[in-house]
Amino acid sequence: MSSAVLHASSPTPWTAVMAAACLYCAYEVWRFDTVRSWVLVAVMNVAMIAVHLPLAGHRHGNAAAGEASMGTAMQLATGVAATEIVFAAIVLYRLSLPGARTVQNRCASAACAPRRSDDQRRRAAGPPAAATARPHP
């Protein structure tokens, strides 16, 4: 999400597309919390760094040879992307451990099941004991 905000600092059609991609990744992680969504975050951030580094360019003249000149927003965006890659790698490692809890297996429990109405509970429990008892002869 922070990457989407950073893209708003230089509004162009290309940055709008990148901001939308950042928001899509944030939505995926927030809503689904799956291995797929975390891999998507990591891949998008690697792609972002791969796109930003060549755009950084270098100065000729007063800068030392090979020294990159990046704007503050681009430096910040690259730093945020690198942090998100590390964070996604940690989450993916934790999800790979046995017994890892994700949204899918947390919500398989009864706590995430839809609540039943009183009528649904009565029907599921069956008829009351008095109705099923045999009358005395």
Protein backbone atom coordinates (compact mmCIF):
# COMPACT_ATOMS: atom_id res chain seq x y z
CA MET A 1 0.00 0.00 0.00
CA SER A 2 2.85 2.38 0.77
CA SER A 3 4.24 1.77 -2.71
CA ALA A 4 0.95 2.95 -4.17
CA VAL A 5 1.21 6.17 -2.17
CA LEU A 6 4.80 6.68 -3.34
CA HIS A 7 3.69 6.32 -6.97
CA ALA A 8 1.27 9.19 -6.42
CA SER A 9 4.26 11.52 -5.90
CA SER A 10 4.88 11.65 -9.67
CA PRO A 11 1.51 11.33 -11.43
CA THR A 12 1.82 9.90 -14.93
CA PRO A 13 -0.18 7.19 -16.69
CA TRP A 14 2.62 4.68 -16.04
CA THR A 15 2.72 5.44 -12.30
CA ALA A 16 -1.07 5.14 -12.16
CA VAL A 17 -0.76 1.61 -13.60
CA MET A 18 1.96 0.76 -11.08
CA ALA A 19 -0.08 2.21 -8.21
CA ALA A 20 -3.04 0.05 -9.29
CA ALA A 21 -0.77 -3.01 -9.28
CA CYS A 22 0.40 -2.12 -5.77
CA LEU A 23 -3.19 -1.76 -4.58
CA TYR A 24 -4.08 -5.11 -6.17
CA CYS A 25 -1.27 -6.82 -4.23
CA ALA A 26 -2.41 -5.14 -1.01
CA TYR A 27 -5.97 -6.34 -1.66
CA GLU A 28 -4.78 -9.91 -2.31
CA VAL A 29 -2.80 -10.05 0.93
CA TRP A 30 -5.49 -8.36 3.00
CA ARG A 31 -8.37 -10.43 1.68
CA PHE A 32 -6.88 -13.87 1.03
CA ASP A 33 -3.50 -14.18 2.84
CA THR A 34 -2.38 -17.12 0.68
CA VAL A 35 1.01 -18.23 -0.54
CA ARG A 36 -0.02 -17.00 -3.99
CA SER A 37 -0.70 -13.49 -2.71
CA TRP A 38 2.65 -13.28 -0.88
CA VAL A 39 4.51 -14.57 -3.95
CA LEU A 40 2.68 -11.91 -5.96
CA VAL A 41 3.91 -9.23 -3.52
CA ALA A 42 7.50 -10.46 -3.77
CA VAL A 43 7.46 -10.72 -7.57
CA MET A 44 5.86 -7.28 -8.00
CA ASN A 45 8.50 -5.70 -5.76
CA VAL A 46 11.35 -7.44 -7.58
CA ALA A 47 9.86 -6.16 -10.83
CA MET A 48 9.60 -2.68 -9.36
CA ILE A 49 13.26 -2.64 -8.37
CA ALA A 50 14.21 -4.05 -11.78
CA VAL A 51 12.30 -1.19 -13.47
CA HIS A 52 13.53 1.57 -11.16
CA LEU A 53 17.25 0.79 -11.15
CA PRO A 54 17.81 1.40 -14.88
CA LEU A 55 15.71 4.56 -14.64
CA ALA A 56 18.01 5.93 -11.95
CA GLY A 57 20.67 6.67 -14.55
CA HIS A 58 23.91 8.35 -13.64
CA ARG A 59 25.39 11.82 -13.92
CA HIS A 60 28.21 12.84 -16.17
CA GLY A 61 30.53 15.55 -15.00
CA ASN A 62 30.35 16.46 -11.32
CA ALA A 63 29.38 13.01 -10.01
CA ALA A 64 31.83 10.18 -9.52
CA ALA A 65 31.89 7.55 -12.24
CA GLY A 66 29.11 4.99 -11.81
CA GLU A 67 27.41 6.88 -8.96
CA ALA A 68 23.66 6.57 -9.27
CA SER A 69 21.54 9.69 -8.97
CA MET A 70 18.09 8.82 -7.78
CA GLY A 71 15.42 11.21 -6.66
CA THR A 72 14.30 11.02 -3.06
CA ALA A 73 10.95 9.46 -3.95
CA MET A 74 12.64 6.83 -6.11
CA GLN A 75 15.14 6.01 -3.34
CA LEU A 76 12.29 5.71 -0.88
CA ALA A 77 10.24 3.55 -3.27
CA THR A 78 13.20 1.25 -3.89
CA GLY A 79 13.85 0.96 -0.15
CA VAL A 80 10.19 0.18 0.52
CA ALA A 81 10.22 -2.45 -2.25
CA ALA A 82 13.33 -4.09 -0.81
CA THR A 83 11.72 -4.12 2.65
CA GLU A 84 8.54 -5.65 1.24
CA ILE A 85 10.58 -8.38 -0.49
CA VAL A 86 12.27 -9.28 2.79
CA PHE A 87 8.92 -9.21 4.63
CA ALA A 88 7.25 -11.40 1.97
CA ALA A 89 10.17 -13.87 2.15
CA ILE A 90 9.76 -14.11 5.93
CA VAL A 91 6.01 -14.69 5.60
CA LEU A 92 6.51 -17.31 2.88
CA TYR A 93 9.07 -19.09 5.05
CA ARG A 94 6.65 -19.08 8.00
CA LEU A 95 3.82 -20.36 5.78
CA SER A 96 6.05 -23.22 4.62
CA LEU A 97 6.48 -24.53 8.18
CA PRO A 98 4.33 -27.47 9.27
CA GLY A 99 1.12 -26.35 10.94
CA ALA A 100 1.30 -22.83 9.53
CA ARG A 101 -1.96 -20.95 9.92
CA THR A 102 -3.43 -19.15 6.95
CA VAL A 103 -6.87 -17.68 6.42
CA GLN A 104 -7.99 -20.86 4.67
CA ASN A 105 -7.23 -23.27 7.51
CA ARG A 106 -8.19 -20.78 10.24
CA CYS A 107 -11.65 -20.41 8.71
CA ALA A 108 -12.12 -24.14 8.33
CA SER A 109 -12.93 -24.15 12.06
CA ALA A 110 -16.42 -23.63 13.45
CA ALA A 111 -15.51 -20.10 14.60
CA CYS A 112 -15.55 -18.85 10.98
CA ALA A 113 -18.63 -20.82 9.99
CA PRO A 114 -21.75 -18.79 9.28
CA ARG A 115 -23.98 -18.43 12.31
CA ARG A 116 -27.18 -20.43 12.34
CA SER A 117 -30.52 -19.01 13.24
CA ASP A 118 -32.46 -20.45 16.18
CA ASP A 119 -34.77 -22.31 13.77
CA GLN A 120 -31.82 -23.87 11.94
CA ARG A 121 -30.33 -25.04 15.26
CA ARG A 122 -33.64 -26.57 16.38
CA ARG A 123 -34.05 -28.42 13.08
CA ALA A 124 -30.46 -29.69 13.23
CA ALA A 125 -30.93 -30.91 16.82
CA GLY A 126 -34.06 -32.87 15.93
CA PRO A 127 -37.41 -33.03 17.66
CA PRO A 128 -37.57 -32.37 21.40
CA ALA A 129 -37.35 -35.38 23.71
CA ALA A 130 -41.01 -35.11 24.84
CA ALA A 131 -42.22 -35.41 21.23
CA THR A 132 -40.29 -38.60 20.61
CA ALA A 133 -41.21 -40.33 23.91
CA ARG A 134 -43.75 -43.13 23.64
CA PRO A 135 -46.95 -42.73 25.54
CA HIS A 136 -47.55 -45.12 28.45
CA PRO A 137 -49.97 -47.87 27.62
